[in-house]
Amino acid sequence: MIFMVIYETYPPGQQVDDNRMADGFIEIGIVIERRVSDNRWIDHTWTPVAALPGAKPVEQWVKIDEGDGWERYHARTLALELFKGETEGYRYNLSQTEPQIYVIMQAGEEADDAEYEPCHITVCPYEAMGYAESGDEVVEGVPMPPPIITWTQGFVDMYHVDEPFKKRKNKKFDQSGGRRAPRA
């Protein structure tokens, strides 16, 4: 269980914010970059750019860096949850050249809210694709930090079970054209 000692992680079965039982999770700070836009229809773009493993929760956005035409904020700290049933997606992500943490953002609803607010993170590309298909959220990937790669790989090594391919049997062709005698 080497992956459980990298940062403060939580044991299997611990309940998290949305009443699901995660098999493991760790707190991750999300860094959002606000950049001046060249587009005449929008003033700024908001893009997640980094993940901070083990970050403490923040009450409001905290500016952590700035440059010419851009600012970076620690916007929110979210729980990265891992589930035993999703290890195939985690394996696929880890097999990529640059594994990603997918940040799901929703548009701010109130006048004093940020334009986009991070609401969920995942390392499962299949889950991220589901959010992207809805069209209600913005999904962006940020590079997965090495400690999180190690932690996720340890989780996959511990819980992944290869399921053998099972070819389904074809049904016999119905010569009657699909019409069957009525039931009595």
C-alpha atoms as a PDB file:
ATOM      1  CA  MET A   1       0.000   0.000   0.000  1.00  0.00           C
ATOM      2  CA  ILE A   2       2.792   2.423  -0.907  1.00  0.00           C
ATOM      3  CA  PHE A   3       0.373   4.772  -2.675  1.00  0.00           C
ATOM      4  CA  MET A   4      -1.415   5.585   0.591  1.00  0.00           C
ATOM      5  CA  VAL A   5       1.550   7.472   2.081  1.00  0.00           C
ATOM      6  CA  ILE A   6       2.389  10.038  -0.607  1.00  0.00           C
ATOM      7  CA  TYR A   7       0.017  12.724   0.695  1.00  0.00           C
ATOM      8  CA  GLU A   8      -2.865  12.716   3.115  1.00  0.00           C
ATOM      9  CA  THR A   9      -5.110  10.208   1.397  1.00  0.00           C
ATOM     10  CA  TYR A  10      -8.304   8.692   2.617  1.00  0.00           C
ATOM     11  CA  PRO A  11      -9.114   5.023   3.180  1.00  0.00           C
ATOM     12  CA  PRO A  12     -11.494   2.976   1.020  1.00  0.00           C
ATOM     13  CA  GLY A  13     -15.158   3.464   1.809  1.00  0.00           C
ATOM     14  CA  GLN A  14     -14.768   7.055   3.075  1.00  0.00           C
ATOM     15  CA  GLN A  15     -17.818   9.154   2.219  1.00  0.00           C
ATOM     16  CA  VAL A  16     -17.132  12.268   0.151  1.00  0.00           C
ATOM     17  CA  ASP A  17     -19.148  15.391  -0.671  1.00  0.00           C
ATOM     18  CA  ASP A  18     -21.803  13.929  -2.989  1.00  0.00           C
ATOM     19  CA  ASN A  19     -22.708  10.904  -0.832  1.00  0.00           C
ATOM     20  CA  ARG A  20     -20.768   8.403  -2.952  1.00  0.00           C
ATOM     21  CA  MET A  21     -18.397   5.982  -1.321  1.00  0.00           C
ATOM     22  CA  ALA A  22     -14.958   6.434  -2.882  1.00  0.00           C
ATOM     23  CA  ASP A  23     -12.442   3.599  -2.780  1.00  0.00           C
ATOM     24  CA  GLY A  24      -9.692   6.203  -2.343  1.00  0.00           C
ATOM     25  CA  PHE A  25      -9.330   9.947  -2.721  1.00  0.00           C
ATOM     26  CA  ILE A  26      -6.928  12.829  -2.274  1.00  0.00           C
ATOM     27  CA  GLU A  27      -7.422  16.591  -2.144  1.00  0.00           C
ATOM     28  CA  ILE A  28      -6.179  18.424  -5.267  1.00  0.00           C
ATOM     29  CA  GLY A  29      -5.946  22.205  -5.679  1.00  0.00           C
ATOM     30  CA  ILE A  30      -6.969  23.498  -9.112  1.00  0.00           C
ATOM     31  CA  VAL A  31      -5.032  26.391 -10.681  1.00  0.00           C
ATOM     32  CA  ILE A  32      -7.022  28.471 -13.178  1.00  0.00           C
ATOM     33  CA  GLU A  33      -5.369  30.946 -15.534  1.00  0.00           C
ATOM     34  CA  ARG A  34      -7.124  34.147 -16.594  1.00  0.00           C
ATOM     35  CA  ARG A  35      -5.639  35.414 -19.831  1.00  0.00           C
ATOM     36  CA  VAL A  36      -6.479  38.539 -21.832  1.00  0.00           C
ATOM     37  CA  SER A  37      -8.188  37.500 -25.061  1.00  0.00           C
ATOM     38  CA  ASP A  38      -7.577  38.802 -28.577  1.00  0.00           C
ATOM     39  CA  ASN A  39     -11.182  37.965 -29.426  1.00  0.00           C
ATOM     40  CA  ARG A  40     -13.376  41.048 -29.678  1.00  0.00           C
ATOM     41  CA  TRP A  41     -16.374  39.183 -28.205  1.00  0.00           C
ATOM     42  CA  ILE A  42     -14.721  38.109 -24.936  1.00  0.00           C
ATOM     43  CA  ASP A  43     -12.374  39.979 -22.631  1.00  0.00           C
ATOM     44  CA  HIS A  44     -10.674  37.007 -20.939  1.00  0.00           C
ATOM     45  CA  THR A  45     -10.273  33.268 -21.223  1.00  0.00           C
ATOM     46  CA  TRP A  46     -10.304  30.970 -18.193  1.00  0.00           C
ATOM     47  CA  THR A  47      -8.311  27.762 -18.426  1.00  0.00           C
ATOM     48  CA  PRO A  48      -7.211  25.208 -15.821  1.00  0.00           C
ATOM     49  CA  VAL A  49      -3.426  24.897 -16.043  1.00  0.00           C
ATOM     50  CA  ALA A  50      -2.194  22.908 -13.047  1.00  0.00           C
ATOM     51  CA  ALA A  51      -3.094  20.588 -10.179  1.00  0.00           C
ATOM     52  CA  LEU A  52      -1.654  20.961  -6.666  1.00  0.00           C
ATOM     53  CA  PRO A  53      -1.631  17.609  -4.798  1.00  0.00           C
ATOM     54  CA  GLY A  54      -2.467  17.835  -1.111  1.00  0.00           C
ATOM     55  CA  ALA A  55      -3.608  21.482  -1.295  1.00  0.00           C
ATOM     56  CA  LYS A  56      -5.640  22.871   1.572  1.00  0.00           C
ATOM     57  CA  PRO A  57      -9.172  24.150   0.876  1.00  0.00           C
ATOM     58  CA  VAL A  58      -9.553  27.841  -0.024  1.00  0.00           C
ATOM     59  CA  GLU A  59     -12.542  30.048   0.840  1.00  0.00           C
ATOM     60  CA  GLN A  60     -12.148  32.241  -2.254  1.00  0.00           C
ATOM     61  CA  TRP A  61      -9.835  32.370  -5.244  1.00  0.00           C
ATOM     62  CA  VAL A  62      -6.225  33.133  -4.261  1.00  0.00           C
ATOM     63  CA  LYS A  63      -3.899  34.799  -6.784  1.00  0.00           C
ATOM     64  CA  ILE A  64      -0.659  32.811  -6.880  1.00  0.00           C
ATOM     65  CA  ASP A  65       1.131  34.243  -9.933  1.00  0.00           C
ATOM     66  CA  GLU A  66       0.806  36.865 -12.634  1.00  0.00           C
ATOM     67  CA  GLY A  67       2.535  38.053 -15.768  1.00  0.00           C
ATOM     68  CA  ASP A  68       1.951  40.237 -18.805  1.00  0.00           C
ATOM     69  CA  GLY A  69      -1.715  39.683 -19.692  1.00  0.00           C
ATOM     70  CA  TRP A  70      -2.333  36.675 -17.420  1.00  0.00           C
ATOM     71  CA  GLU A  71      -3.028  35.795 -13.802  1.00  0.00           C
ATOM     72  CA  ARG A  72      -3.140  32.397 -12.078  1.00  0.00           C
ATOM     73  CA  TYR A  73      -5.410  31.568  -9.180  1.00  0.00           C
ATOM     74  CA  HIS A  74      -5.780  28.673  -6.785  1.00  0.00           C
ATOM     75  CA  ALA A  75      -9.485  28.488  -7.521  1.00  0.00           C
ATOM     76  CA  ARG A  76     -10.663  25.516  -5.532  1.00  0.00           C
ATOM     77  CA  THR A  77      -9.589  22.322  -3.817  1.00  0.00           C
ATOM     78  CA  LEU A  78     -11.521  19.236  -4.903  1.00  0.00           C
ATOM     79  CA  ALA A  79     -11.390  15.559  -3.991  1.00  0.00           C
ATOM     80  CA  LEU A  80      -9.913  13.325  -6.695  1.00  0.00           C
ATOM     81  CA  GLU A  81     -11.879  10.116  -6.162  1.00  0.00           C
ATOM     82  CA  LEU A  82     -10.865   6.689  -7.367  1.00  0.00           C
ATOM     83  CA  PHE A  83     -13.284   3.778  -7.711  1.00  0.00           C
ATOM     84  CA  LYS A  84     -12.469   0.087  -8.147  1.00  0.00           C
ATOM     85  CA  GLY A  85     -14.910  -0.231 -11.039  1.00  0.00           C
ATOM     86  CA  GLU A  86     -13.205   2.481 -13.145  1.00  0.00           C
ATOM     87  CA  THR A  87      -9.643   1.136 -13.173  1.00  0.00           C
ATOM     88  CA  GLU A  88      -9.790   0.419 -16.921  1.00  0.00           C
ATOM     89  CA  GLY A  89     -10.156   4.170 -17.590  1.00  0.00           C
ATOM     90  CA  TYR A  90      -7.356   4.988 -15.157  1.00  0.00           C
ATOM     91  CA  ARG A  91      -5.084   2.459 -16.897  1.00  0.00           C
ATOM     92  CA  TYR A  92      -5.821   4.002 -20.281  1.00  0.00           C
ATOM     93  CA  ASN A  93      -5.037   7.499 -18.971  1.00  0.00           C
ATOM     94  CA  LEU A  94      -1.764   6.322 -17.392  1.00  0.00           C
ATOM     95  CA  SER A  95      -0.737   4.667 -20.686  1.00  0.00           C
ATOM     96  CA  GLN A  96      -0.774   8.025 -22.500  1.00  0.00           C
ATOM     97  CA  THR A  97       2.397  10.061 -23.087  1.00  0.00           C
ATOM     98  CA  GLU A  98       1.169  12.734 -20.672  1.00  0.00           C
ATOM     99  CA  PRO A  99      -1.528  11.493 -18.241  1.00  0.00           C
ATOM    100  CA  GLN A 100      -4.171  14.083 -17.417  1.00  0.00           C
ATOM    101  CA  ILE A 101      -6.360  15.176 -14.546  1.00  0.00           C
ATOM    102  CA  TYR A 102      -9.609  16.292 -16.155  1.00  0.00           C
ATOM    103  CA  VAL A 103     -11.125  19.440 -14.647  1.00  0.00           C
ATOM    104  CA  ILE A 104     -14.855  19.916 -15.105  1.00  0.00           C
ATOM    105  CA  MET A 105     -15.990  23.547 -14.851  1.00  0.00           C
ATOM    106  CA  GLN A 106     -19.461  25.078 -14.743  1.00  0.00           C
ATOM    107  CA  ALA A 107     -20.407  28.632 -15.614  1.00  0.00           C
ATOM    108  CA  GLY A 108     -20.899  30.894 -12.594  1.00  0.00           C
ATOM    109  CA  GLU A 109     -24.580  31.489 -11.859  1.00  0.00           C
ATOM    110  CA  GLU A 110     -24.488  34.572  -9.650  1.00  0.00           C
ATOM    111  CA  ALA A 111     -23.167  38.035 -10.516  1.00  0.00           C
ATOM    112  CA  ASP A 112     -20.344  37.782  -7.979  1.00  0.00           C
ATOM    113  CA  ASP A 113     -19.346  34.230  -9.069  1.00  0.00           C
ATOM    114  CA  ALA A 114     -16.310  33.592 -11.233  1.00  0.00           C
ATOM    115  CA  GLU A 115     -17.028  33.178 -14.934  1.00  0.00           C
ATOM    116  CA  TYR A 116     -16.201  29.466 -14.617  1.00  0.00           C
ATOM    117  CA  GLU A 117     -15.966  27.477 -11.402  1.00  0.00           C
ATOM    118  CA  PRO A 118     -14.227  24.074 -11.094  1.00  0.00           C
ATOM    119  CA  CYS A 119     -16.813  21.611  -9.784  1.00  0.00           C
ATOM    120  CA  HIS A 120     -15.302  18.127 -10.274  1.00  0.00           C
ATOM    121  CA  ILE A 121     -12.034  16.391 -11.202  1.00  0.00           C
ATOM    122  CA  THR A 122     -11.337  12.896 -12.492  1.00  0.00           C
ATOM    123  CA  VAL A 123      -8.521  10.825 -13.963  1.00  0.00           C
ATOM    124  CA  CYS A 124     -10.950   8.648 -15.943  1.00  0.00           C
ATOM    125  CA  PRO A 125     -11.115   9.850 -19.557  1.00  0.00           C
ATOM    126  CA  TYR A 126     -14.428   8.029 -20.071  1.00  0.00           C
ATOM    127  CA  GLU A 127     -16.064   9.959 -17.229  1.00  0.00           C
ATOM    128  CA  ALA A 128     -14.614  13.235 -18.571  1.00  0.00           C
ATOM    129  CA  MET A 129     -15.996  12.436 -22.019  1.00  0.00           C
ATOM    130  CA  GLY A 130     -19.474  12.031 -20.496  1.00  0.00           C
ATOM    131  CA  TYR A 131     -19.286  15.514 -19.001  1.00  0.00           C
ATOM    132  CA  ALA A 132     -17.987  16.983 -22.279  1.00  0.00           C
ATOM    133  CA  GLU A 133     -20.834  15.436 -24.277  1.00  0.00           C
ATOM    134  CA  SER A 134     -23.512  17.069 -22.128  1.00  0.00           C
ATOM    135  CA  GLY A 135     -22.485  20.544 -23.284  1.00  0.00           C
ATOM    136  CA  ASP A 136     -23.328  22.045 -19.888  1.00  0.00           C
ATOM    137  CA  GLU A 137     -19.774  21.874 -18.552  1.00  0.00           C
ATOM    138  CA  VAL A 138     -16.339  22.788 -19.858  1.00  0.00           C
ATOM    139  CA  VAL A 139     -13.809  19.926 -19.596  1.00  0.00           C
ATOM    140  CA  GLU A 140     -10.066  20.582 -19.795  1.00  0.00           C
ATOM    141  CA  GLY A 141      -7.113  18.364 -18.989  1.00  0.00           C
ATOM    142  CA  VAL A 142      -4.104  19.420 -16.934  1.00  0.00           C
ATOM    143  CA  PRO A 143      -0.871  17.432 -16.622  1.00  0.00           C
ATOM    144  CA  MET A 144      -1.033  14.851 -13.845  1.00  0.00           C
ATOM    145  CA  PRO A 145       1.722  15.541 -11.276  1.00  0.00           C
ATOM    146  CA  PRO A 146       4.190  12.647 -10.718  1.00  0.00           C
ATOM    147  CA  PRO A 147       2.969  11.896  -7.158  1.00  0.00           C
ATOM    148  CA  ILE A 148      -0.591  11.493  -8.446  1.00  0.00           C
ATOM    149  CA  ILE A 149       0.639   9.239 -11.267  1.00  0.00           C
ATOM    150  CA  THR A 150       2.318   7.049  -8.636  1.00  0.00           C
ATOM    151  CA  TRP A 151      -0.764   7.069  -6.397  1.00  0.00           C
ATOM    152  CA  THR A 152      -3.136   6.244  -9.280  1.00  0.00           C
ATOM    153  CA  GLN A 153      -0.819   3.506 -10.605  1.00  0.00           C
ATOM    154  CA  GLY A 154      -0.707   1.964  -7.124  1.00  0.00           C
ATOM    155  CA  PHE A 155      -4.502   2.017  -6.961  1.00  0.00           C
ATOM    156  CA  VAL A 156      -4.766   0.372 -10.394  1.00  0.00           C
ATOM    157  CA  ASP A 157      -2.163  -2.259  -9.470  1.00  0.00           C
ATOM    158  CA  MET A 158      -4.102  -3.087  -6.319  1.00  0.00           C
ATOM    159  CA  TYR A 159      -7.649  -3.182  -7.680  1.00  0.00           C
ATOM    160  CA  HIS A 160      -7.649  -3.738 -11.454  1.00  0.00           C
ATOM    161  CA  VAL A 161      -8.989  -7.077 -12.665  1.00  0.00           C
ATOM    162  CA  ASP A 162      -8.787  -7.875 -16.368  1.00  0.00           C
ATOM    163  CA  GLU A 163     -12.102  -9.112 -17.649  1.00  0.00           C
ATOM    164  CA  PRO A 164     -11.746 -11.705 -20.411  1.00  0.00           C
ATOM    165  CA  PHE A 165     -13.475 -10.923 -23.675  1.00  0.00           C
ATOM    166  CA  LYS A 166     -16.730 -12.825 -23.978  1.00  0.00           C
ATOM    167  CA  LYS A 167     -18.131 -13.141 -27.431  1.00  0.00           C
ATOM    168  CA  ARG A 168     -21.878 -13.256 -27.371  1.00  0.00           C
ATOM    169  CA  LYS A 169     -23.564 -16.060 -29.194  1.00  0.00           C
ATOM    170  CA  ASN A 170     -25.543 -15.225 -32.288  1.00  0.00           C
ATOM    171  CA  LYS A 171     -29.216 -16.046 -32.224  1.00  0.00           C
ATOM    172  CA  LYS A 172     -30.523 -18.438 -34.832  1.00  0.00           C
ATOM    173  CA  PHE A 173     -32.159 -16.784 -37.826  1.00  0.00           C
ATOM    174  CA  ASP A 174     -35.938 -16.863 -37.607  1.00  0.00           C
ATOM    175  CA  GLN A 175     -37.146 -18.220 -40.982  1.00  0.00           C
ATOM    176  CA  SER A 176     -40.728 -17.116 -40.333  1.00  0.00           C
ATOM    177  CA  GLY A 177     -39.805 -13.486 -40.898  1.00  0.00           C
ATOM    178  CA  GLY A 178     -39.996 -12.614 -37.261  1.00  0.00           C
ATOM    179  CA  ARG A 179     -43.701 -13.524 -36.986  1.00  0.00           C
ATOM    180  CA  ARG A 180     -44.577 -15.935 -34.300  1.00  0.00           C
ATOM    181  CA  ALA A 181     -47.792 -17.627 -33.456  1.00  0.00           C
ATOM    182  CA  PRO A 182     -49.920 -15.634 -31.052  1.00  0.00           C
ATOM    183  CA  ARG A 183     -49.761 -16.619 -27.421  1.00  0.00           C
ATOM    184  CA  ALA A 184     -52.692 -18.498 -26.032  1.00  0.00           C
END
